[in-house]
Amino acid sequence: MKMKKIILLLIVTIAFLTSCSNSPQDKAQSSVKSYLKENLKNSESYEPMSFSVLDTLKSADTSETKQISLYEITHFYIITNADKEKVKMSITFLLDKDFKVNEPSTKSINGDYGTITGNAYWKYNNYVGNKADAGAEVFLYSLDTIRGNIKYETTADVQGNYKLEKVLPGRYLLIVRSKNATDCPERHIQNLVIYADKMKQLFGFNIDKYKTQLDEINKLDSTYTAILLDNNESKYGGLFNKIDKYTTIEEEMRKKSAQLIESFPDDFKTKIKLYTGYSNAYDFTTIEIEEGKTKNVNTDFGITCI
């Protein structure tokens, strides 16, 4: 009797282990590994590191090939690229109902490099044409957490052109800092709010802590815009009174924005060189670098803040 219980226990244990090995997570991982071994140019150098938890898509994703994806999983691995360098990769794969790979989120699975080129320009006012932003500073920060310490940088030449070569494929935040144009304080604040999540990830700066000040600035901005677009000048006592009204609000908004920037931590302001509310103009762009391809970006800083 005792022997039968032991045998039964072994059967249950084996059945449990077998079911675990065939879990959706395991099926997805096995599918991704098989896909990479079949499609990598240098598959013998493939070293799996880890996987994220398998996610169910909220709605079925239909790719360009009309395949329906129901799941996604991110895989971290190491690959030796065409330059014989070991590279850490982070790729999200889309899977069908049978956990077979439909396609990865990018074709850049081999760790080969890409290139980014760009041109930066500005204008002093509406009467002067575009001018090359010679000396503009260019910074490229990796948004992939697996290699968050990667940063590329260069400087625009006399024609405002720049180029970064041997850039690992992946998602990046491109920051271009003008050498010649400045931004008004409210414009700096607007940029930081739009890219708040990137500022927090890359620099540890959380602008949401300044909600009270931001609400005050947004309220002034809304009032300023409403008055500016209002064609009923008589309710302000004429055109000149209307101009005085929105100019006063603009100055108050600008003042509060400058004060807010002054209150930011010094280490953050030093990291991105935002020393005052009237610091040089910035352009922030999230971009994807693909292996073997060149990404071109044009940066127009517009009219300098006077």
Protein backbone atom coordinates (compact mmCIF):
# COMPACT_ATOMS: atom_id res chain seq x y z
CA MET A 1 0.00 0.00 0.00
CA LYS A 2 2.79 2.34 0.94
CA MET A 3 4.62 1.55 -2.31
CA LYS A 4 1.46 2.39 -4.32
CA LYS A 5 1.25 5.79 -2.61
CA ILE A 6 4.88 6.51 -3.46
CA ILE A 7 4.33 5.53 -7.10
CA LEU A 8 1.18 7.66 -7.25
CA LEU A 9 3.08 10.60 -5.77
CA LEU A 10 5.83 10.21 -8.38
CA ILE A 11 3.26 10.13 -11.18
CA VAL A 12 1.57 13.30 -9.88
CA THR A 13 4.95 15.04 -9.52
CA ILE A 14 6.01 14.11 -13.05
CA ALA A 15 2.65 15.25 -14.40
CA PHE A 16 3.02 18.56 -12.56
CA LEU A 17 6.54 19.15 -13.84
CA THR A 18 5.45 18.25 -17.36
CA SER A 19 2.55 20.70 -17.20
CA CYS A 20 4.88 23.43 -15.92
CA SER A 21 7.30 22.85 -18.75
CA ASN A 22 4.40 23.28 -21.18
CA SER A 23 3.12 26.47 -19.55
CA PRO A 24 2.39 29.46 -21.82
CA GLN A 25 5.50 31.20 -20.46
CA ASP A 26 7.73 28.23 -21.34
CA LYS A 27 6.13 27.82 -24.75
CA ALA A 28 6.70 31.48 -25.53
CA GLN A 29 10.33 31.36 -24.41
CA SER A 30 11.01 28.22 -26.42
CA SER A 31 9.39 29.77 -29.48
CA VAL A 32 11.48 32.95 -29.24
CA LYS A 33 14.71 31.01 -28.80
CA SER A 34 13.93 28.87 -31.83
CA TYR A 35 13.09 31.95 -33.89
CA LEU A 36 16.40 33.62 -33.00
CA LYS A 37 18.47 30.54 -33.71
CA GLU A 38 16.86 30.33 -37.14
CA ASN A 39 17.10 34.02 -38.02
CA LEU A 40 20.24 35.41 -36.38
CA LYS A 41 23.20 35.91 -38.71
CA ASN A 42 25.57 34.76 -35.99
CA SER A 43 23.31 32.35 -34.11
CA GLU A 44 26.16 30.34 -32.59
CA SER A 45 27.08 33.36 -30.46
CA TYR A 46 23.53 33.76 -29.09
CA GLU A 47 23.42 33.78 -25.28
CA PRO A 48 19.95 33.99 -23.68
CA MET A 49 19.82 36.07 -20.49
CA SER A 50 16.21 36.44 -19.32
CA PHE A 51 12.59 36.94 -20.34
CA SER A 52 9.86 39.26 -19.16
CA VAL A 53 6.54 37.85 -18.01
CA LEU A 54 4.32 36.86 -20.94
CA ASP A 55 1.71 39.58 -21.55
CA THR A 56 -1.71 39.18 -23.14
CA LEU A 57 -2.45 42.00 -25.58
CA LYS A 58 -5.55 44.02 -24.69
CA SER A 59 -6.63 43.82 -28.32
CA ALA A 60 -5.40 41.53 -31.06
CA ASP A 61 -2.51 43.07 -32.97
CA THR A 62 -2.63 42.51 -36.73
CA SER A 63 0.75 42.90 -38.36
CA GLU A 64 1.52 43.98 -41.91
CA THR A 65 1.49 40.30 -42.88
CA LYS A 66 -2.08 39.96 -41.55
CA GLN A 67 -0.97 37.67 -38.75
CA ILE A 68 -2.91 38.10 -35.52
CA SER A 69 -0.82 38.51 -32.37
CA LEU A 70 -2.37 37.77 -28.99
CA TYR A 71 0.70 37.83 -26.76
CA GLU A 72 4.01 39.61 -26.34
CA ILE A 73 7.20 38.85 -24.44
CA THR A 74 10.49 40.70 -24.13
CA HIS A 75 13.74 38.79 -24.34
CA PHE A 76 17.14 39.93 -23.11
CA TYR A 77 20.12 38.26 -24.73
CA ILE A 78 23.73 38.70 -25.81
CA ILE A 79 24.88 38.43 -29.42
CA THR A 80 28.21 38.92 -31.17
CA ASN A 81 27.59 41.37 -34.01
CA ALA A 82 29.25 41.75 -37.40
CA ASP A 83 32.00 43.85 -35.77
CA LYS A 84 32.87 40.91 -33.48
CA GLU A 85 31.64 42.81 -30.45
CA LYS A 86 29.35 41.38 -27.77
CA VAL A 87 26.13 43.36 -27.50
CA LYS A 88 23.24 43.19 -25.04
CA MET A 89 19.87 43.14 -26.78
CA SER A 90 16.32 43.79 -25.56
CA ILE A 91 13.64 42.77 -28.10
CA THR A 92 9.87 42.41 -27.74
CA PHE A 93 8.31 39.55 -29.70
CA LEU A 94 4.68 39.22 -30.81
CA LEU A 95 3.16 35.75 -30.59
CA ASP A 96 0.06 34.08 -32.05
CA LYS A 97 -2.53 31.92 -30.26
CA ASP A 98 -0.14 28.94 -30.35
CA PHE A 99 2.70 31.04 -28.92
CA LYS A 100 4.56 30.99 -32.22
CA VAL A 101 6.52 34.12 -33.12
CA ASN A 102 4.71 36.33 -35.61
CA GLU A 103 7.42 38.97 -35.65
CA PRO A 104 9.71 40.89 -33.32
CA SER A 105 9.06 44.58 -32.63
CA THR A 106 12.14 45.37 -34.73
CA LYS A 107 14.17 43.72 -37.48
CA SER A 108 17.34 44.79 -35.64
CA ILE A 109 18.00 41.51 -33.87
CA ASN A 110 21.70 41.01 -34.72
CA GLY A 111 23.23 43.84 -32.70
CA ASP A 112 24.71 45.46 -35.80
CA TYR A 113 25.09 49.23 -35.77
CA GLY A 114 23.03 52.04 -37.23
CA THR A 115 23.80 55.68 -37.97
CA ILE A 116 22.12 58.97 -37.18
CA THR A 117 22.64 62.18 -39.15
CA GLY A 118 21.03 65.54 -38.63
CA ASN A 119 20.99 69.24 -39.25
CA ALA A 120 20.23 71.96 -36.71
CA TYR A 121 19.21 75.52 -37.57
CA TRP A 122 17.51 78.57 -36.05
CA LYS A 123 16.35 82.07 -36.95
CA TYR A 124 16.82 85.37 -35.12
CA ASN A 125 13.46 86.79 -36.23
CA ASN A 126 10.83 86.49 -38.97
CA TYR A 127 12.80 88.77 -41.29
CA VAL A 128 16.02 86.75 -41.23
CA GLY A 129 16.21 83.36 -42.93
CA ASN A 130 17.34 80.12 -41.30
CA LYS A 131 20.86 80.04 -39.94
CA ALA A 132 22.98 76.97 -39.35
CA ASP A 133 23.26 76.22 -35.64
CA ALA A 134 27.02 75.73 -35.68
CA GLY A 135 28.24 74.24 -32.42
CA ALA A 136 24.89 72.76 -31.39
CA GLU A 137 25.41 69.92 -28.89
CA VAL A 138 23.90 66.53 -29.68
CA PHE A 139 23.25 63.86 -27.05
CA LEU A 140 21.74 60.42 -27.63
CA TYR A 141 20.58 58.52 -24.54
CA SER A 142 19.53 54.86 -24.62
CA LEU A 143 16.01 54.19 -23.33
CA ASP A 144 16.62 50.45 -23.08
CA THR A 145 16.98 49.68 -19.38
CA ILE A 146 19.33 46.79 -20.11
CA ARG A 147 21.95 49.25 -21.36
CA GLY A 148 20.80 52.49 -19.80
CA ASN A 149 24.36 53.73 -19.37
CA ILE A 150 24.90 54.11 -23.12
CA LYS A 151 25.27 57.69 -24.32
CA TYR A 152 26.52 59.10 -27.62
CA GLU A 153 27.40 62.74 -28.20
CA THR A 154 28.77 65.04 -30.87
CA THR A 155 28.71 68.67 -32.04
CA ALA A 156 27.21 70.22 -35.17
CA ASP A 157 29.69 71.64 -37.70
CA VAL A 158 29.62 75.14 -39.24
CA GLN A 159 26.74 74.10 -41.49
CA GLY A 160 24.74 72.69 -38.59
CA ASN A 161 25.33 69.09 -39.69
CA TYR A 162 26.19 66.23 -37.35
CA LYS A 163 26.66 62.49 -37.53
CA LEU A 164 26.81 59.63 -35.03
CA GLU A 165 28.09 56.29 -36.30
CA LYS A 166 28.21 52.81 -34.76
CA VAL A 167 25.03 53.36 -32.78
CA LEU A 168 23.52 50.20 -31.30
CA PRO A 169 19.95 49.52 -32.45
CA GLY A 170 17.21 50.44 -30.01
CA ARG A 171 15.09 53.29 -28.65
CA TYR A 172 16.79 56.56 -27.75
CA LEU A 173 16.07 60.05 -26.54
CA LEU A 174 17.79 62.56 -28.81
CA ILE A 175 18.55 65.89 -27.16
CA VAL A 176 19.88 68.70 -29.34
CA ARG A 177 20.97 71.84 -27.50
CA SER A 178 21.28 75.00 -29.56
CA LYS A 179 24.48 77.00 -29.49
CA ASN A 180 22.87 80.17 -30.80
CA ALA A 181 19.16 80.26 -29.91
CA THR A 182 17.56 80.54 -26.48
CA ASP A 183 14.14 79.35 -25.34
CA CYS A 184 11.75 81.26 -23.12
CA PRO A 185 11.18 79.70 -19.65
CA GLU A 186 7.66 78.47 -20.46
CA ARG A 187 9.00 76.62 -23.50
CA HIS A 188 11.59 74.84 -21.35
CA ILE A 189 8.84 73.83 -18.91
CA GLN A 190 6.66 72.56 -21.76
CA ASN A 191 9.47 70.33 -23.05
CA LEU A 192 10.15 68.91 -19.60
CA VAL A 193 6.46 68.13 -19.05
CA ILE A 194 6.08 66.42 -22.44
CA TYR A 195 9.15 64.26 -21.79
CA ALA A 196 8.58 63.87 -18.04
CA ASP A 197 8.88 60.07 -18.10
CA LYS A 198 12.17 60.23 -20.02
CA MET A 199 13.57 62.86 -17.62
CA LYS A 200 12.70 60.62 -14.70
CA GLN A 201 14.19 57.49 -16.29
CA LEU A 202 17.43 59.06 -17.50
CA PHE A 203 18.14 61.77 -14.93
CA GLY A 204 16.05 60.85 -11.90
CA PHE A 205 14.15 64.13 -12.16
CA ASN A 206 10.43 64.05 -11.36
CA ILE A 207 8.69 67.23 -12.51
CA ASP A 208 5.37 65.94 -11.12
CA LYS A 209 6.61 67.07 -7.70
CA TYR A 210 5.98 70.62 -8.85
CA LYS A 211 2.27 70.15 -9.60
CA THR A 212 1.12 73.31 -7.81
CA GLN A 213 3.49 75.56 -9.77
CA LEU A 214 2.70 73.76 -13.03
CA ASP A 215 -1.05 74.23 -12.48
CA GLU A 216 -0.51 77.97 -11.98
CA ILE A 217 1.54 78.20 -15.18
CA ASN A 218 -1.01 76.16 -17.17
CA LYS A 219 -3.84 78.38 -15.95
CA LEU A 220 -1.98 81.50 -17.06
CA ASP A 221 -1.18 79.87 -20.40
CA SER A 222 -4.85 79.01 -20.99
CA THR A 223 -5.95 82.55 -20.13
CA TYR A 224 -3.26 84.04 -22.36
CA THR A 225 -4.29 81.85 -25.32
CA ALA A 226 -8.00 82.59 -24.83
CA ILE A 227 -7.43 86.35 -24.86
CA LEU A 228 -5.02 86.17 -27.79
CA LEU A 229 -7.54 84.29 -29.93
CA ASP A 230 -10.55 86.36 -28.84
CA ASN A 231 -11.71 88.59 -31.72
CA ASN A 232 -14.00 90.64 -29.48
CA GLU A 233 -11.59 93.49 -28.76
CA SER A 234 -14.34 95.77 -27.41
CA LYS A 235 -14.72 93.71 -24.26
CA TYR A 236 -11.16 94.66 -23.35
CA GLY A 237 -11.69 98.33 -24.16
CA GLY A 238 -9.99 98.18 -27.55
CA LEU A 239 -7.04 96.50 -29.27
CA PHE A 240 -4.31 98.20 -27.26
CA ASN A 241 -5.94 97.26 -23.95
CA LYS A 242 -6.26 93.69 -25.20
CA ILE A 243 -2.54 93.62 -26.06
CA ASP A 244 -1.68 95.03 -22.62
CA LYS A 245 -3.86 92.35 -21.01
CA TYR A 246 -2.31 89.31 -22.66
CA THR A 247 1.19 90.80 -22.49
CA THR A 248 0.85 91.17 -18.72
CA ILE A 249 -0.32 87.56 -18.41
CA GLU A 250 2.51 86.37 -20.66
CA GLU A 251 5.08 88.15 -18.49
CA GLU A 252 3.60 86.62 -15.34
CA MET A 253 3.66 83.15 -16.92
CA ARG A 254 7.25 83.65 -18.01
CA LYS A 255 8.26 84.88 -14.55
CA LYS A 256 6.69 81.90 -12.78
CA SER A 257 8.27 79.49 -15.27
CA ALA A 258 11.72 81.00 -14.71
CA GLN A 259 11.26 80.80 -10.93
CA LEU A 260 10.24 77.16 -11.19
CA ILE A 261 13.35 76.31 -13.21
CA GLU A 262 15.53 78.11 -10.66
CA SER A 263 14.07 75.82 -7.96
CA PHE A 264 15.05 72.61 -9.76
CA PRO A 265 17.89 70.53 -8.20
CA ASP A 266 21.33 71.75 -9.27
CA ASP A 267 22.49 68.26 -10.26
CA PHE A 268 19.64 67.93 -12.78
CA LYS A 269 20.21 71.41 -14.22
CA THR A 270 23.90 70.61 -14.59
CA LYS A 271 23.24 67.27 -16.31
CA ILE A 272 21.21 68.85 -19.12
CA LYS A 273 22.80 72.32 -18.91
CA LEU A 274 19.53 74.06 -18.09
CA TYR A 275 21.10 76.69 -15.89
CA THR A 276 18.38 79.39 -16.05
CA GLY A 277 14.94 79.91 -17.52
CA TYR A 278 16.54 81.56 -20.54
CA SER A 279 19.11 78.88 -21.26
CA ASN A 280 19.86 77.71 -24.79
CA ALA A 281 17.00 76.12 -26.71
CA TYR A 282 16.45 72.37 -26.61
CA ASP A 283 14.81 69.86 -28.91
CA PHE A 284 13.78 66.48 -27.53
CA THR A 285 12.92 63.58 -29.82
CA THR A 286 12.33 59.88 -29.20
CA ILE A 287 13.81 57.86 -32.05
CA GLU A 288 14.41 54.25 -33.07
CA ILE A 289 17.81 53.27 -34.45
CA GLU A 290 17.83 50.25 -36.77
CA GLU A 291 20.83 48.17 -37.68
CA GLY A 292 22.34 48.89 -41.08
CA LYS A 293 20.18 52.00 -41.55
CA THR A 294 20.68 55.75 -41.27
CA LYS A 295 18.21 57.87 -39.33
CA ASN A 296 18.05 61.52 -40.40
CA VAL A 297 16.70 64.23 -38.09
CA ASN A 298 16.25 67.94 -38.79
CA THR A 299 16.02 70.30 -35.84
CA ASP A 300 14.41 73.71 -36.20
CA PHE A 301 14.84 75.81 -33.06
CA GLY A 302 12.73 78.58 -34.57
CA ILE A 303 12.92 82.14 -33.35
CA THR A 304 15.18 82.77 -30.39
CA CYS A 305 13.56 84.03 -27.18
CA ILE A 306 14.39 87.69 -26.74
